[in-house]
Amino acid sequence: MSLDAVLEEIRACRACAGELAHEPRPVVRVFPETRLLICGQAPGRRVHESGLPFTDPSGDRLRDWLGVDAETFYGDRRIGVAAQAFCYPGTAVKGGDFPPPRRCAQLWRPRLLEQLNRVELTLLVGGHAQAWALGDRARASMTETVRAWRDYLPAVLPMPHPSWRNTAWLKREPWFEAEVVPWLRQRVRELLA
């Protein structure tokens, strides 16, 4: 099966129809040329509405961490985005989004990743993405996993989610922006050279 065929099936998926408070709208943006794969948790409300990944303040912070502008992020086919779940899971009563449903990753990730054979670096953005992708290799917490970032290189880089909700985390953990972000920017420059 080709990447185009898998993407067509993903975009037509309605496996969660009836379970969500809205119509499913899978959001995935990958290409045969993808070398940098960004795996977040699930699209947020704004991404659900726009149909493009990271079209929100989280995307602004992520692009800053990557050292790329929006034109490069959306225009360079060497950058791909495929969250653990492709549809917005909805907003929880106390705020924030519901966790990504595991069913989506189980249905689609192995088939999608099998087609992305040029990926050199996968960013695991947030604890849910790290737990799914790393399994037993994930540490006890997202902080511990990200702190051990060098242990997952060269193929994988665990990161906190760039959401405003993690601003306090970033202040408590200044090593992330002092150590990880400069490494990431350099690696992105190499991948896009």
N, C-alpha and C. Protein backbone atom coordinates (compact mmCIF):
# COMPACT_ATOMS: atom_id res chain seq x y z
N MET A 1 0.85 -1.18 0.00
CA MET A 1 0.00 0.00 0.00
C MET A 1 0.89 1.24 0.00
N SER A 2 0.48 2.28 -0.69
CA SER A 2 1.27 3.51 -0.80
C SER A 2 0.91 4.49 0.32
N LEU A 3 1.78 5.47 0.51
CA LEU A 3 1.51 6.54 1.48
C LEU A 3 0.22 7.26 1.11
N ASP A 4 0.02 7.56 -0.16
CA ASP A 4 -1.21 8.25 -0.58
C ASP A 4 -2.45 7.45 -0.21
N ALA A 5 -2.40 6.14 -0.38
CA ALA A 5 -3.54 5.29 -0.05
C ALA A 5 -3.82 5.29 1.46
N VAL A 6 -2.76 5.20 2.26
CA VAL A 6 -2.94 5.23 3.72
C VAL A 6 -3.52 6.58 4.14
N LEU A 7 -2.98 7.67 3.59
CA LEU A 7 -3.50 9.00 3.95
C LEU A 7 -4.96 9.17 3.54
N GLU A 8 -5.32 8.64 2.41
CA GLU A 8 -6.71 8.72 1.96
C GLU A 8 -7.62 7.99 2.94
N GLU A 9 -7.20 6.82 3.41
CA GLU A 9 -7.99 6.07 4.39
C GLU A 9 -8.07 6.81 5.71
N ILE A 10 -6.95 7.38 6.16
CA ILE A 10 -6.96 8.13 7.42
C ILE A 10 -7.93 9.31 7.32
N ARG A 11 -7.85 10.05 6.24
CA ARG A 11 -8.70 11.23 6.10
C ARG A 11 -10.18 10.87 5.99
N ALA A 12 -10.48 9.66 5.57
CA ALA A 12 -11.87 9.20 5.47
C ALA A 12 -12.35 8.50 6.74
N CYS A 13 -11.44 8.30 7.71
CA CYS A 13 -11.78 7.54 8.92
C CYS A 13 -12.88 8.22 9.73
N ARG A 14 -13.81 7.41 10.18
CA ARG A 14 -14.90 7.87 11.05
C ARG A 14 -15.07 6.90 12.22
N ALA A 15 -13.97 6.27 12.63
CA ALA A 15 -14.02 5.25 13.69
C ALA A 15 -14.57 5.80 15.00
N CYS A 16 -14.38 7.08 15.26
CA CYS A 16 -14.84 7.68 16.52
C CYS A 16 -16.16 8.43 16.35
N ALA A 17 -16.76 8.37 15.17
CA ALA A 17 -18.04 9.05 14.96
C ALA A 17 -19.05 8.53 15.97
N GLY A 18 -19.80 9.44 16.56
CA GLY A 18 -20.76 9.06 17.58
C GLY A 18 -20.20 9.10 18.99
N GLU A 19 -18.87 9.01 19.11
CA GLU A 19 -18.22 9.10 20.42
C GLU A 19 -17.75 10.51 20.71
N LEU A 20 -17.55 11.30 19.66
CA LEU A 20 -17.11 12.68 19.81
C LEU A 20 -18.31 13.60 19.79
N ALA A 21 -18.16 14.77 20.37
CA ALA A 21 -19.24 15.77 20.36
C ALA A 21 -19.29 16.53 19.05
N HIS A 22 -18.45 16.16 18.11
CA HIS A 22 -18.36 16.83 16.82
C HIS A 22 -18.03 15.80 15.75
N GLU A 23 -18.13 16.21 14.52
CA GLU A 23 -17.81 15.33 13.40
C GLU A 23 -16.29 15.09 13.36
N PRO A 24 -15.84 13.85 13.20
CA PRO A 24 -14.40 13.61 13.08
C PRO A 24 -13.83 14.37 11.88
N ARG A 25 -12.63 14.90 12.08
CA ARG A 25 -11.91 15.56 10.99
C ARG A 25 -10.43 15.23 11.16
N PRO A 26 -9.99 14.10 10.64
CA PRO A 26 -8.58 13.72 10.79
C PRO A 26 -7.64 14.77 10.19
N VAL A 27 -6.62 15.13 10.96
CA VAL A 27 -5.61 16.09 10.53
C VAL A 27 -4.26 15.38 10.57
N VAL A 28 -3.65 15.25 9.40
CA VAL A 28 -2.33 14.65 9.28
C VAL A 28 -1.66 15.31 8.08
N ARG A 29 -0.36 15.57 8.20
CA ARG A 29 0.35 16.26 7.12
C ARG A 29 1.75 15.65 7.01
N VAL A 30 1.86 14.66 6.16
CA VAL A 30 3.14 14.00 5.91
C VAL A 30 3.30 13.79 4.41
N PHE A 31 4.54 13.54 4.00
CA PHE A 31 4.88 13.43 2.59
C PHE A 31 5.95 12.36 2.42
N PRO A 32 6.14 11.85 1.21
CA PRO A 32 7.22 10.88 1.00
C PRO A 32 8.59 11.46 1.37
N GLU A 33 8.75 12.77 1.29
CA GLU A 33 10.03 13.42 1.58
C GLU A 33 10.25 13.71 3.07
N THR A 34 9.27 13.44 3.92
CA THR A 34 9.35 13.80 5.34
C THR A 34 10.58 13.18 6.00
N ARG A 35 11.40 14.08 6.58
CA ARG A 35 12.61 13.66 7.31
C ARG A 35 12.46 13.96 8.80
N LEU A 36 11.71 15.02 9.13
CA LEU A 36 11.43 15.40 10.51
C LEU A 36 9.95 15.14 10.75
N LEU A 37 9.63 14.20 11.64
CA LEU A 37 8.25 13.84 11.92
C LEU A 37 7.88 14.32 13.32
N ILE A 38 6.87 15.15 13.40
CA ILE A 38 6.41 15.69 14.66
C ILE A 38 5.16 14.92 15.09
N CYS A 39 5.28 14.22 16.19
CA CYS A 39 4.18 13.40 16.70
C CYS A 39 3.68 13.99 18.01
N GLY A 40 2.61 14.76 17.91
CA GLY A 40 1.98 15.31 19.09
C GLY A 40 0.98 14.32 19.65
N GLN A 41 0.03 14.86 20.41
CA GLN A 41 -0.95 14.00 21.07
C GLN A 41 -2.22 13.88 20.23
N ALA A 42 -2.84 15.00 19.92
CA ALA A 42 -4.05 15.05 19.10
C ALA A 42 -4.30 16.50 18.74
N PRO A 43 -4.99 16.75 17.64
CA PRO A 43 -5.28 18.15 17.29
C PRO A 43 -6.15 18.82 18.35
N GLY A 44 -5.92 20.12 18.55
CA GLY A 44 -6.78 20.91 19.42
C GLY A 44 -7.95 21.46 18.62
N ARG A 45 -8.79 22.23 19.29
CA ARG A 45 -9.99 22.78 18.65
C ARG A 45 -9.65 23.64 17.45
N ARG A 46 -8.65 24.52 17.58
CA ARG A 46 -8.29 25.40 16.47
C ARG A 46 -7.77 24.62 15.27
N VAL A 47 -7.01 23.59 15.54
CA VAL A 47 -6.51 22.75 14.46
C VAL A 47 -7.66 21.99 13.81
N HIS A 48 -8.59 21.52 14.62
CA HIS A 48 -9.79 20.85 14.09
C HIS A 48 -10.52 21.78 13.11
N GLU A 49 -10.61 23.05 13.48
CA GLU A 49 -11.32 24.01 12.63
C GLU A 49 -10.52 24.36 11.37
N SER A 50 -9.20 24.51 11.50
CA SER A 50 -8.38 24.93 10.35
C SER A 50 -8.03 23.78 9.41
N GLY A 51 -7.90 22.57 9.97
CA GLY A 51 -7.48 21.43 9.17
C GLY A 51 -5.97 21.36 8.97
N LEU A 52 -5.23 22.29 9.60
CA LEU A 52 -3.76 22.28 9.52
C LEU A 52 -3.18 22.11 10.92
N PRO A 53 -2.15 21.26 11.07
CA PRO A 53 -1.58 21.05 12.40
C PRO A 53 -0.87 22.30 12.93
N PHE A 54 -0.98 22.48 14.23
CA PHE A 54 -0.28 23.53 14.97
C PHE A 54 -0.59 24.94 14.46
N THR A 55 -1.85 25.19 14.12
CA THR A 55 -2.28 26.55 13.76
C THR A 55 -2.88 27.20 15.00
N ASP A 56 -2.05 27.32 16.01
CA ASP A 56 -2.47 27.88 17.29
C ASP A 56 -1.22 28.38 18.02
N PRO A 57 -1.37 28.98 19.20
CA PRO A 57 -0.17 29.46 19.93
C PRO A 57 0.85 28.35 20.22
N SER A 58 0.38 27.10 20.39
CA SER A 58 1.33 25.99 20.58
C SER A 58 2.23 25.86 19.36
N GLY A 59 1.65 26.07 18.19
CA GLY A 59 2.44 25.99 16.96
C GLY A 59 3.47 27.09 16.87
N ASP A 60 3.11 28.28 17.37
CA ASP A 60 4.08 29.39 17.38
C ASP A 60 5.29 29.02 18.23
N ARG A 61 5.03 28.46 19.41
CA ARG A 61 6.14 28.07 20.29
C ARG A 61 6.94 26.93 19.67
N LEU A 62 6.24 25.94 19.09
CA LEU A 62 6.94 24.82 18.47
C LEU A 62 7.85 25.30 17.34
N ARG A 63 7.34 26.17 16.48
CA ARG A 63 8.17 26.67 15.38
C ARG A 63 9.37 27.44 15.90
N ASP A 64 9.19 28.17 17.01
CA ASP A 64 10.32 28.85 17.63
C ASP A 64 11.36 27.83 18.10
N TRP A 65 10.90 26.77 18.76
CA TRP A 65 11.83 25.74 19.20
C TRP A 65 12.58 25.12 18.02
N LEU A 66 11.87 24.95 16.90
CA LEU A 66 12.49 24.34 15.72
C LEU A 66 13.41 25.31 14.99
N GLY A 67 13.19 26.61 15.19
CA GLY A 67 13.96 27.63 14.47
C GLY A 67 13.49 27.80 13.04
N VAL A 68 12.19 27.58 12.79
CA VAL A 68 11.64 27.76 11.44
C VAL A 68 10.43 28.69 11.50
N ASP A 69 10.16 29.34 10.38
CA ASP A 69 8.98 30.19 10.31
C ASP A 69 7.80 29.37 9.79
N ALA A 70 6.61 29.98 9.80
CA ALA A 70 5.40 29.27 9.37
C ALA A 70 5.50 28.85 7.91
N GLU A 71 6.10 29.69 7.08
CA GLU A 71 6.23 29.36 5.65
C GLU A 71 7.03 28.07 5.47
N THR A 72 8.13 27.94 6.21
CA THR A 72 8.94 26.72 6.13
C THR A 72 8.19 25.54 6.73
N PHE A 73 7.57 25.76 7.88
CA PHE A 73 6.86 24.68 8.58
C PHE A 73 5.79 24.06 7.70
N TYR A 74 5.03 24.89 7.02
CA TYR A 74 3.93 24.38 6.19
C TYR A 74 4.34 24.14 4.73
N GLY A 75 5.45 24.69 4.30
CA GLY A 75 5.82 24.59 2.90
C GLY A 75 6.89 23.58 2.57
N ASP A 76 7.68 23.18 3.56
CA ASP A 76 8.78 22.25 3.31
C ASP A 76 8.28 20.82 3.57
N ARG A 77 8.24 20.02 2.53
CA ARG A 77 7.71 18.66 2.63
C ARG A 77 8.62 17.72 3.43
N ARG A 78 9.76 18.21 3.86
CA ARG A 78 10.62 17.40 4.73
C ARG A 78 10.17 17.46 6.18
N ILE A 79 9.20 18.33 6.48
CA ILE A 79 8.61 18.43 7.82
C ILE A 79 7.22 17.84 7.75
N GLY A 80 6.95 16.85 8.60
CA GLY A 80 5.64 16.21 8.64
C GLY A 80 5.08 16.22 10.05
N VAL A 81 3.76 16.16 10.13
CA VAL A 81 3.07 16.13 11.43
C VAL A 81 2.05 15.01 11.41
N ALA A 82 2.16 14.11 12.37
CA ALA A 82 1.20 13.02 12.52
C ALA A 82 1.05 12.74 14.00
N ALA A 83 0.00 13.26 14.60
CA ALA A 83 -0.24 13.08 16.04
C ALA A 83 -0.59 11.63 16.34
N GLN A 84 -0.65 11.31 17.62
CA GLN A 84 -1.04 9.96 18.03
C GLN A 84 -2.50 9.69 17.65
N ALA A 85 -3.33 10.71 17.76
CA ALA A 85 -4.73 10.63 17.31
C ALA A 85 -4.91 11.76 16.31
N PHE A 86 -5.63 11.49 15.25
CA PHE A 86 -5.75 12.47 14.17
C PHE A 86 -6.93 13.41 14.31
N CYS A 87 -7.85 13.11 15.22
CA CYS A 87 -9.02 13.96 15.40
C CYS A 87 -9.00 14.62 16.78
N TYR A 88 -9.57 15.80 16.84
CA TYR A 88 -9.72 16.53 18.10
C TYR A 88 -10.60 15.70 19.03
N PRO A 89 -10.09 15.39 20.24
CA PRO A 89 -10.86 14.53 21.15
C PRO A 89 -11.93 15.26 21.96
N GLY A 90 -11.95 16.59 21.90
CA GLY A 90 -12.92 17.35 22.68
C GLY A 90 -12.30 17.93 23.93
N THR A 91 -13.05 18.82 24.57
CA THR A 91 -12.56 19.52 25.75
C THR A 91 -13.15 18.91 27.01
N ALA A 92 -12.29 18.67 27.98
CA ALA A 92 -12.73 18.11 29.27
C ALA A 92 -13.45 19.18 30.08
N VAL A 93 -14.27 18.75 31.02
CA VAL A 93 -15.08 19.66 31.84
C VAL A 93 -14.21 20.68 32.57
N LYS A 94 -13.07 20.25 33.09
CA LYS A 94 -12.21 21.15 33.86
C LYS A 94 -11.20 21.90 32.99
N GLY A 95 -11.38 21.85 31.68
CA GLY A 95 -10.45 22.53 30.77
C GLY A 95 -9.43 21.58 30.21
N GLY A 96 -8.77 22.00 29.19
CA GLY A 96 -7.82 21.13 28.51
C GLY A 96 -8.57 20.12 27.66
N ASP A 97 -7.86 19.48 26.78
CA ASP A 97 -8.46 18.50 25.89
C ASP A 97 -8.45 17.11 26.53
N PHE A 98 -9.39 16.29 26.11
CA PHE A 98 -9.37 14.89 26.52
C PHE A 98 -8.10 14.24 25.97
N PRO A 99 -7.63 13.16 26.60
CA PRO A 99 -6.46 12.46 26.05
C PRO A 99 -6.78 11.89 24.67
N PRO A 100 -5.76 11.68 23.86
CA PRO A 100 -6.00 11.08 22.55
C PRO A 100 -6.50 9.64 22.71
N PRO A 101 -7.54 9.27 21.97
CA PRO A 101 -8.00 7.88 22.07
C PRO A 101 -6.97 6.92 21.49
N ARG A 102 -6.66 5.86 22.22
CA ARG A 102 -5.65 4.88 21.79
C ARG A 102 -6.05 4.20 20.48
N ARG A 103 -7.35 4.08 20.25
CA ARG A 103 -7.81 3.38 19.07
C ARG A 103 -7.22 3.97 17.79
N CYS A 104 -7.11 5.29 17.73
CA CYS A 104 -6.61 5.94 16.53
C CYS A 104 -5.17 5.49 16.23
N ALA A 105 -4.33 5.54 17.25
CA ALA A 105 -2.94 5.12 17.06
C ALA A 105 -2.87 3.64 16.69
N GLN A 106 -3.69 2.83 17.33
CA GLN A 106 -3.68 1.40 17.03
C GLN A 106 -4.12 1.13 15.59
N LEU A 107 -5.11 1.87 15.12
CA LEU A 107 -5.61 1.70 13.76
C LEU A 107 -4.61 2.14 12.70
N TRP A 108 -3.93 3.26 12.95
CA TRP A 108 -3.23 3.93 11.86
C TRP A 108 -1.72 4.05 11.97
N ARG A 109 -1.17 4.18 13.16
CA ARG A 109 0.25 4.52 13.26
C ARG A 109 1.17 3.48 12.61
N PRO A 110 1.01 2.20 12.86
CA PRO A 110 1.94 1.25 12.22
C PRO A 110 1.91 1.34 10.69
N ARG A 111 0.73 1.44 10.12
CA ARG A 111 0.62 1.51 8.66
C ARG A 111 1.21 2.81 8.12
N LEU A 112 0.98 3.92 8.82
CA LEU A 112 1.51 5.20 8.38
C LEU A 112 3.03 5.23 8.50
N LEU A 113 3.55 4.85 9.64
CA LEU A 113 5.00 4.91 9.86
C LEU A 113 5.75 3.99 8.90
N GLU A 114 5.14 2.88 8.53
CA GLU A 114 5.76 1.96 7.58
C GLU A 114 6.03 2.64 6.23
N GLN A 115 5.20 3.62 5.89
CA GLN A 115 5.33 4.32 4.61
C GLN A 115 6.31 5.50 4.68
N LEU A 116 6.69 5.92 5.87
CA LEU A 116 7.55 7.10 6.04
C LEU A 116 8.99 6.64 6.24
N ASN A 117 9.60 6.17 5.18
CA ASN A 117 10.92 5.55 5.30
C ASN A 117 12.09 6.52 5.21
N ARG A 118 11.83 7.82 5.10
CA ARG A 118 12.92 8.80 5.07
C ARG A 118 13.05 9.57 6.39
N VAL A 119 12.21 9.27 7.35
CA VAL A 119 12.24 9.99 8.63
C VAL A 119 13.55 9.70 9.35
N GLU A 120 14.24 10.78 9.73
CA GLU A 120 15.50 10.66 10.47
C GLU A 120 15.35 11.07 11.93
N LEU A 121 14.38 11.94 12.21
CA LEU A 121 14.15 12.38 13.59
C LEU A 121 12.66 12.49 13.83
N THR A 122 12.21 11.87 14.91
CA THR A 122 10.81 11.95 15.33
C THR A 122 10.75 12.68 16.65
N LEU A 123 9.98 13.76 16.67
CA LEU A 123 9.75 14.50 17.91
C LEU A 123 8.50 13.93 18.58
N LEU A 124 8.66 13.49 19.82
CA LEU A 124 7.52 12.98 20.59
C LEU A 124 7.09 14.10 21.52
N VAL A 125 6.01 14.77 21.14
CA VAL A 125 5.58 16.01 21.80
C VAL A 125 4.50 15.70 22.81
N GLY A 126 4.87 15.69 24.09
CA GLY A 126 3.91 15.46 25.17
C GLY A 126 3.96 14.04 25.69
N GLY A 127 3.46 13.89 26.91
CA GLY A 127 3.51 12.61 27.60
C GLY A 127 2.75 11.49 26.92
N HIS A 128 1.58 11.77 26.35
CA HIS A 128 0.81 10.72 25.69
C HIS A 128 1.57 10.17 24.49
N ALA A 129 2.15 11.05 23.69
CA ALA A 129 2.91 10.61 22.52
C ALA A 129 4.13 9.79 22.96
N GLN A 130 4.78 10.22 24.02
CA GLN A 130 5.95 9.50 24.51
C GLN A 130 5.57 8.12 25.04
N ALA A 131 4.50 8.05 25.82
CA ALA A 131 4.08 6.76 26.37
C ALA A 131 3.73 5.78 25.26
N TRP A 132 3.02 6.26 24.23
CA TRP A 132 2.63 5.36 23.14
C TRP A 132 3.86 4.91 22.36
N ALA A 133 4.69 5.83 21.95
CA ALA A 133 5.79 5.49 21.06
C ALA A 133 6.94 4.77 21.76
N LEU A 134 7.20 5.13 23.01
CA LEU A 134 8.35 4.56 23.72
C LEU A 134 8.00 3.32 24.52
N GLY A 135 6.74 3.17 24.89
CA GLY A 135 6.34 2.01 25.67
C GLY A 135 7.15 1.89 26.95
N ASP A 136 7.78 0.74 27.15
CA ASP A 136 8.57 0.50 28.37
C ASP A 136 9.82 1.36 28.45
N ARG A 137 10.23 1.96 27.34
CA ARG A 137 11.41 2.83 27.35
C ARG A 137 11.12 4.21 27.93
N ALA A 138 9.83 4.58 28.04
CA ALA A 138 9.47 5.86 28.65
C ALA A 138 9.77 5.80 30.14
N ARG A 139 10.18 6.93 30.68
CA ARG A 139 10.44 7.01 32.12
C ARG A 139 9.12 7.16 32.87
N ALA A 140 9.19 7.30 34.18
CA ALA A 140 7.99 7.35 35.03
C ALA A 140 7.14 8.60 34.80
N SER A 141 7.74 9.67 34.29
CA SER A 141 6.99 10.90 34.04
C SER A 141 7.50 11.53 32.75
N MET A 142 6.70 12.45 32.22
CA MET A 142 7.12 13.18 31.02
C MET A 142 8.41 13.93 31.30
N THR A 143 8.52 14.56 32.48
CA THR A 143 9.73 15.31 32.82
C THR A 143 10.95 14.41 32.80
N GLU A 144 10.85 13.23 33.40
CA GLU A 144 11.99 12.31 33.43
C GLU A 144 12.34 11.83 32.02
N THR A 145 11.32 11.60 31.20
CA THR A 145 11.57 11.16 29.82
C THR A 145 12.29 12.24 29.04
N VAL A 146 11.80 13.48 29.15
CA VAL A 146 12.44 14.57 28.43
C VAL A 146 13.84 14.83 28.97
N ARG A 147 14.01 14.73 30.28
CA ARG A 147 15.33 14.94 30.87
C ARG A 147 16.36 13.93 30.34
N ALA A 148 15.89 12.74 29.98
CA ALA A 148 16.76 11.69 29.45
C ALA A 148 16.82 11.75 27.92
N TRP A 149 16.60 12.91 27.34
CA TRP A 149 16.48 13.06 25.88
C TRP A 149 17.64 12.46 25.11
N ARG A 150 18.84 12.57 25.62
CA ARG A 150 20.02 12.05 24.91
C ARG A 150 19.97 10.52 24.75
N ASP A 151 19.27 9.86 25.67
CA ASP A 151 19.18 8.39 25.61
C ASP A 151 18.38 7.91 24.41
N TYR A 152 17.57 8.77 23.82
CA TYR A 152 16.68 8.38 22.72
C TYR A 152 17.22 8.78 21.34
N LEU A 153 18.29 9.55 21.33
CA LEU A 153 18.88 10.00 20.07
C LEU A 153 19.60 8.84 19.39
N PRO A 154 19.76 8.87 18.08
CA PRO A 154 19.54 9.99 17.18
C PRO A 154 18.15 10.02 16.54
N ALA A 155 17.35 8.96 16.73
CA ALA A 155 16.10 8.85 15.97
C ALA A 155 14.91 9.54 16.62
N VAL A 156 14.94 9.70 17.94
CA VAL A 156 13.78 10.19 18.67
C VAL A 156 14.20 11.29 19.64
N LEU A 157 13.35 12.32 19.75
CA LEU A 157 13.56 13.38 20.74
C LEU A 157 12.26 13.60 21.49
N PRO A 158 12.18 13.21 22.77
CA PRO A 158 10.99 13.51 23.57
C PRO A 158 11.01 14.97 24.00
N MET A 159 9.83 15.61 23.93
CA MET A 159 9.72 17.04 24.25
C MET A 159 8.44 17.28 25.04
N PRO A 160 8.39 18.37 25.82
CA PRO A 160 7.12 18.75 26.42
C PRO A 160 6.21 19.28 25.32
N HIS A 161 4.93 19.33 25.59
CA HIS A 161 4.02 19.95 24.63
C HIS A 161 4.25 21.46 24.67
N PRO A 162 4.22 22.14 23.53
CA PRO A 162 4.47 23.59 23.52
C PRO A 162 3.28 24.44 23.95
N SER A 163 2.28 23.82 24.52
CA SER A 163 1.08 24.54 24.98
C SER A 163 1.41 25.58 26.04
N TRP A 164 0.61 26.63 26.09
CA TRP A 164 0.75 27.64 27.14
C TRP A 164 0.60 26.99 28.51
N ARG A 165 -0.11 25.88 28.58
CA ARG A 165 -0.28 25.19 29.87
C ARG A 165 1.05 24.69 30.44
N ASN A 166 2.06 24.60 29.61
CA ASN A 166 3.37 24.14 30.06
C ASN A 166 4.35 25.28 30.32
N THR A 167 3.89 26.51 30.34
CA THR A 167 4.76 27.65 30.61
C THR A 167 5.42 27.52 31.98
N ALA A 168 4.65 27.12 32.98
CA ALA A 168 5.22 26.94 34.33
C ALA A 168 6.27 25.83 34.32
N TRP A 169 6.01 24.75 33.58
CA TRP A 169 6.98 23.66 33.48
C TRP A 169 8.29 24.18 32.89
N LEU A 170 8.19 24.98 31.84
CA LEU A 170 9.38 25.52 31.19
C LEU A 170 10.18 26.42 32.13
N LYS A 171 9.48 27.14 33.00
CA LYS A 171 10.18 27.99 33.98
C LYS A 171 10.86 27.14 35.05
N ARG A 172 10.22 26.02 35.43
CA ARG A 172 10.82 25.13 36.43
C ARG A 172 11.97 24.30 35.86
N GLU A 173 11.94 24.10 34.54
CA GLU A 173 12.92 23.23 33.89
C GLU A 173 13.69 24.01 32.82
N PRO A 174 14.47 25.03 33.23
CA PRO A 174 15.14 25.89 32.24
C PRO A 174 16.15 25.15 31.36
N TRP A 175 16.62 24.00 31.78
CA TRP A 175 17.57 23.22 31.00
C TRP A 175 16.99 22.85 29.63
N PHE A 176 15.64 22.71 29.54
CA PHE A 176 15.07 22.32 28.25
C PHE A 176 15.38 23.36 27.18
N GLU A 177 15.09 24.62 27.46
CA GLU A 177 15.34 25.66 26.46
C GLU A 177 16.83 26.00 26.36
N ALA A 178 17.61 25.71 27.40
CA ALA A 178 19.05 25.99 27.37
C ALA A 178 19.84 24.90 26.65
N GLU A 179 19.39 23.64 26.76
CA GLU A 179 20.15 22.52 26.20
C GLU A 179 19.47 21.88 24.99
N VAL A 180 18.19 21.54 25.14
CA VAL A 180 17.51 20.77 24.11
C VAL A 180 17.18 21.63 22.89
N VAL A 181 16.65 22.82 23.12
CA VAL A 181 16.23 23.66 21.99
C VAL A 181 17.41 24.00 21.07
N PRO A 182 18.57 24.41 21.57
CA PRO A 182 19.69 24.66 20.64
C PRO A 182 20.09 23.42 19.85
N TRP A 183 20.10 22.25 20.50
CA TRP A 183 20.41 21.01 19.78
C TRP A 183 19.38 20.78 18.69
N LEU A 184 18.09 20.95 19.03
CA LEU A 184 17.01 20.73 18.07
C LEU A 184 17.12 21.68 16.88
N ARG A 185 17.37 22.94 17.13
CA ARG A 185 17.50 23.90 16.02
C ARG A 185 18.63 23.52 15.07
N GLN A 186 19.74 23.10 15.63
CA GLN A 186 20.87 22.67 14.80
C GLN A 186 20.51 21.44 13.98
N ARG A 187 19.84 20.49 14.60
CA ARG A 187 19.47 19.27 13.89
C ARG A 187 18.45 19.56 12.79
N VAL A 188 17.52 20.47 13.05
CA VAL A 188 16.54 20.84 12.01
C VAL A 188 17.25 21.51 10.84
N ARG A 189 18.21 22.38 11.13
CA ARG A 189 19.00 23.00 10.04
C ARG A 189 19.67 21.94 9.19
N GLU A 190 20.21 20.91 9.83
CA GLU A 190 20.88 19.82 9.10
C GLU A 190 19.87 19.05 8.24
N LEU A 191 18.70 18.76 8.80
CA LEU A 191 17.70 17.98 8.07
C LEU A 191 17.14 18.74 6.87
N LEU A 192 17.11 20.07 6.97
CA LEU A 192 16.53 20.88 5.91
C LEU A 192 17.59 21.45 4.96
N ALA A 193 18.86 21.12 5.22
CA ALA A 193 19.95 21.66 4.37
C ALA A 193 19.93 21.02 3.00
